[in-house]
Amino acid sequence: MILHEKMGLVFLCSVGDVMWWGDIKSDAERLCWEFIPLEGVGPLRFGMPHSEVVEALDSTPVFCGPSYCAPLGWAVFSDLEVRTLYQQEGLLAGVSVRAGGGPQIIYRGTYLTGRRPSELMPWIDEMAEMAQLYITSEGGPSFPELGLVLRGDAWGDYVRSRPLLVAAEWTEGCGDAAEGPVPAEEWDHY
């Protein structure tokens, strides 16, 4: 793994080497973050510069890297098990949360992080009556008009839900790994 430093941030040259740390946590051990569609999640608001993200999270990213869409395309806050994603201008446009220990994302009273697909099916069916449901290129549910994609993380013997939340600018195609706006680095993890 080759690392270099630029603007006080550590960059990886090989995205495949990024790993998450942390124990599998119960809901009681997690931070709880409310999701406000197209606006933000928890202490983060879409459109914030990276410096404000660091301040809001009160954490330092372990890894940061460029992507095809921005010099600073992503940052991993491994202590929180959160990845932030940035658009060309270096402004926050996406947040993904690891299923095993990331913050519990709450939307309309439903916990979205670390759930088995079968646990979320009634909620997905209910949401599909209110917002257009798309199936991602990975086979997961996506609600672009909300800026919400439910990805999967391997967690023990099961796949658990891993929310990906995006700004309005990234909603079109947000579940499309090949041609959507979300940096490829996000799709490289399962």
Protein backbone atom coordinates (compact mmCIF):
# COMPACT_ATOMS: atom_id res chain seq x y z
CA MET A 1 0.00 0.00 0.00
CA ILE A 2 1.41 3.37 -1.01
CA LEU A 3 0.44 6.45 1.01
CA HIS A 4 1.25 10.08 0.44
CA GLU A 5 0.23 13.27 2.17
CA LYS A 6 -1.34 16.34 0.58
CA MET A 7 -3.06 19.25 2.32
CA GLY A 8 -2.65 17.50 5.68
CA LEU A 9 -4.61 14.44 4.49
CA VAL A 10 -3.32 10.93 3.88
CA PHE A 11 -4.17 9.59 0.44
CA LEU A 12 -4.18 5.96 -0.66
CA CYS A 13 -2.95 5.07 -4.09
CA SER A 14 -4.78 1.76 -4.05
CA VAL A 15 -8.45 2.07 -3.13
CA GLY A 16 -8.77 -1.68 -2.66
CA ASP A 17 -6.58 -1.45 0.46
CA VAL A 18 -9.11 0.63 2.41
CA MET A 19 -10.51 -1.41 5.27
CA TRP A 20 -13.06 -0.75 7.98
CA TRP A 21 -12.31 -1.33 11.64
CA GLY A 22 -14.59 -1.80 14.58
CA ASP A 23 -16.63 -4.37 16.40
CA ILE A 24 -20.12 -5.38 15.43
CA LYS A 25 -22.31 -3.15 17.57
CA SER A 26 -25.84 -3.44 18.89
CA ASP A 27 -28.28 -0.59 18.25
CA ALA A 28 -27.72 0.60 21.83
CA GLU A 29 -23.96 0.99 21.17
CA ARG A 30 -24.37 3.04 18.00
CA LEU A 31 -24.72 6.73 17.44
CA CYS A 32 -28.22 7.54 16.17
CA TRP A 33 -28.45 9.88 13.20
CA GLU A 34 -31.69 11.17 11.71
CA PHE A 35 -31.77 11.23 7.89
CA ILE A 36 -33.32 14.29 6.26
CA PRO A 37 -33.70 13.44 2.55
CA LEU A 38 -31.51 15.52 0.24
CA GLU A 39 -30.35 17.72 3.14
CA GLY A 40 -28.12 15.57 5.32
CA VAL A 41 -27.78 13.03 8.08
CA GLY A 42 -26.91 13.42 11.75
CA PRO A 43 -24.47 16.33 12.18
CA LEU A 44 -23.67 16.45 8.44
CA ARG A 45 -25.31 18.64 5.80
CA PHE A 46 -24.81 18.10 2.11
CA GLY A 47 -22.75 20.93 0.63
CA MET A 48 -20.38 21.22 3.62
CA PRO A 49 -16.66 21.47 2.81
CA HIS A 50 -14.45 18.68 4.14
CA SER A 51 -13.06 20.87 6.95
CA GLU A 52 -16.59 21.37 8.32
CA VAL A 53 -17.29 17.63 8.02
CA VAL A 54 -14.19 16.89 10.13
CA GLU A 55 -15.31 19.45 12.70
CA ALA A 56 -18.93 18.20 12.78
CA LEU A 57 -17.79 14.59 13.25
CA ASP A 58 -15.11 15.58 15.77
CA SER A 59 -12.93 12.98 14.07
CA THR A 60 -9.98 12.76 11.72
CA PRO A 61 -10.23 10.61 8.59
CA VAL A 62 -7.85 7.67 8.49
CA PHE A 63 -7.82 7.59 4.70
CA CYS A 64 -8.75 10.12 2.04
CA GLY A 65 -8.42 9.80 -1.67
CA PRO A 66 -9.11 11.32 -5.04
CA SER A 67 -11.76 9.96 -7.38
CA TYR A 68 -12.74 10.51 -10.97
CA CYS A 69 -15.11 13.27 -9.82
CA ALA A 70 -12.95 15.26 -7.40
CA PRO A 71 -9.40 15.76 -6.07
CA LEU A 72 -10.82 14.84 -2.66
CA GLY A 73 -13.38 12.24 -3.64
CA TRP A 74 -13.80 10.38 -0.37
CA ALA A 75 -12.70 10.15 3.25
CA VAL A 76 -12.96 7.23 5.70
CA PHE A 77 -13.66 7.97 9.36
CA SER A 78 -12.90 4.48 10.64
CA ASP A 79 -13.63 5.28 14.31
CA LEU A 80 -17.21 6.12 13.29
CA GLU A 81 -17.37 3.57 10.44
CA VAL A 82 -18.48 6.32 8.07
CA ARG A 83 -17.31 7.22 4.57
CA THR A 84 -17.92 10.71 3.21
CA LEU A 85 -18.08 11.37 -0.53
CA TYR A 86 -17.38 14.69 -2.25
CA GLN A 87 -18.38 16.30 -5.52
CA GLN A 88 -15.98 18.18 -7.80
CA GLU A 89 -16.05 21.38 -5.74
CA GLY A 90 -14.95 19.42 -2.66
CA LEU A 91 -18.37 19.69 -1.03
CA LEU A 92 -20.10 16.83 0.78
CA ALA A 93 -22.48 14.99 -1.55
CA GLY A 94 -22.75 11.53 0.02
CA VAL A 95 -22.40 9.57 3.24
CA SER A 96 -22.20 5.81 3.60
CA VAL A 97 -22.37 3.93 6.86
CA ARG A 98 -20.90 0.51 7.61
CA ALA A 99 -23.48 -2.09 8.67
CA GLY A 100 -21.36 -3.56 11.45
CA GLY A 101 -20.81 -0.52 13.60
CA GLY A 102 -21.68 2.71 11.84
CA PRO A 103 -24.28 5.12 13.16
CA GLN A 104 -27.87 3.92 13.21
CA ILE A 105 -29.58 5.86 10.43
CA ILE A 106 -33.20 6.57 11.25
CA TYR A 107 -35.76 7.60 8.66
CA ARG A 108 -39.50 7.83 9.37
CA GLY A 109 -38.98 5.90 12.62
CA THR A 110 -37.21 2.95 10.97
CA TYR A 111 -33.64 1.91 11.74
CA LEU A 112 -31.82 1.42 8.43
CA THR A 113 -28.33 0.33 9.49
CA GLY A 114 -27.31 -3.27 10.09
CA ARG A 115 -30.66 -4.85 9.23
CA ARG A 116 -31.26 -8.12 7.41
CA PRO A 117 -33.05 -7.60 4.10
CA SER A 118 -36.08 -9.52 5.40
CA GLU A 119 -36.39 -7.09 8.33
CA LEU A 120 -36.60 -4.13 5.95
CA MET A 121 -38.94 -5.64 3.35
CA PRO A 122 -42.17 -4.30 4.93
CA TRP A 123 -40.61 -0.83 5.16
CA ILE A 124 -39.34 -1.02 1.56
CA ASP A 125 -42.84 -2.03 0.38
CA GLU A 126 -44.37 0.90 2.33
CA MET A 127 -41.81 3.35 0.95
CA ALA A 128 -42.39 2.09 -2.61
CA GLU A 129 -45.97 3.35 -2.31
CA MET A 130 -44.67 6.86 -1.52
CA ALA A 131 -41.50 7.10 -3.64
CA GLN A 132 -40.31 5.43 -6.83
CA LEU A 133 -38.34 2.26 -6.03
CA TYR A 134 -35.38 1.39 -8.24
CA ILE A 135 -33.18 -1.68 -8.02
CA THR A 136 -29.45 -0.92 -7.98
CA SER A 137 -26.90 -2.59 -10.19
CA GLU A 138 -26.07 -4.70 -7.07
CA GLY A 139 -29.70 -5.76 -6.64
CA GLY A 140 -30.51 -3.53 -3.65
CA PRO A 141 -33.31 -1.01 -3.18
CA SER A 142 -32.82 2.63 -4.10
CA PHE A 143 -35.12 5.62 -3.68
CA PRO A 144 -33.40 8.33 -5.76
CA GLU A 145 -35.96 11.06 -5.03
CA LEU A 146 -35.02 10.66 -1.34
CA GLY A 147 -31.29 10.27 -1.99
CA LEU A 148 -31.33 6.84 -0.30
CA VAL A 149 -29.66 3.61 -1.41
CA LEU A 150 -29.59 0.52 0.80
CA ARG A 151 -26.42 -1.39 0.04
CA GLY A 152 -25.27 -4.62 1.66
CA ASP A 153 -22.35 -5.45 3.95
CA ALA A 154 -21.35 -9.01 4.77
CA TRP A 155 -21.85 -9.28 8.54
CA GLY A 156 -21.33 -12.73 9.98
CA ASP A 157 -23.44 -15.23 8.05
CA TYR A 158 -25.79 -12.55 6.77
CA VAL A 159 -25.85 -9.50 4.58
CA ARG A 160 -26.85 -6.42 6.54
CA SER A 161 -28.06 -3.06 5.33
CA ARG A 162 -25.54 -0.32 4.70
CA PRO A 163 -27.17 3.04 3.94
CA LEU A 164 -25.76 5.32 1.26
CA LEU A 165 -27.28 8.80 1.46
CA VAL A 166 -26.77 11.41 -1.25
CA ALA A 167 -27.41 15.08 -2.02
CA ALA A 168 -29.95 16.24 -4.60
CA GLU A 169 -27.17 16.69 -7.18
CA TRP A 170 -26.41 12.96 -7.03
CA THR A 171 -29.92 11.48 -6.96
CA GLU A 172 -30.16 10.68 -10.67
CA GLY A 173 -28.52 7.32 -11.10
CA CYS A 174 -27.41 7.14 -7.45
CA GLY A 175 -27.88 3.36 -7.47
CA ASP A 176 -25.98 2.82 -10.72
CA ALA A 177 -22.42 1.75 -10.00
CA ALA A 178 -21.36 1.99 -13.65
CA GLU A 179 -22.73 5.35 -14.74
CA GLY A 180 -24.10 7.10 -11.65
CA PRO A 181 -22.52 10.06 -9.85
CA VAL A 182 -21.33 8.17 -6.75
CA PRO A 183 -17.54 7.66 -6.86
CA ALA A 184 -16.40 4.17 -7.82
CA GLU A 185 -14.59 3.87 -4.49
CA GLU A 186 -17.96 3.51 -2.76
CA TRP A 187 -19.00 0.62 -4.99
CA ASP A 188 -15.71 -1.23 -4.49
CA HIS A 189 -16.84 -2.41 -1.04
CA TYR A 190 -19.26 -5.17 -0.19
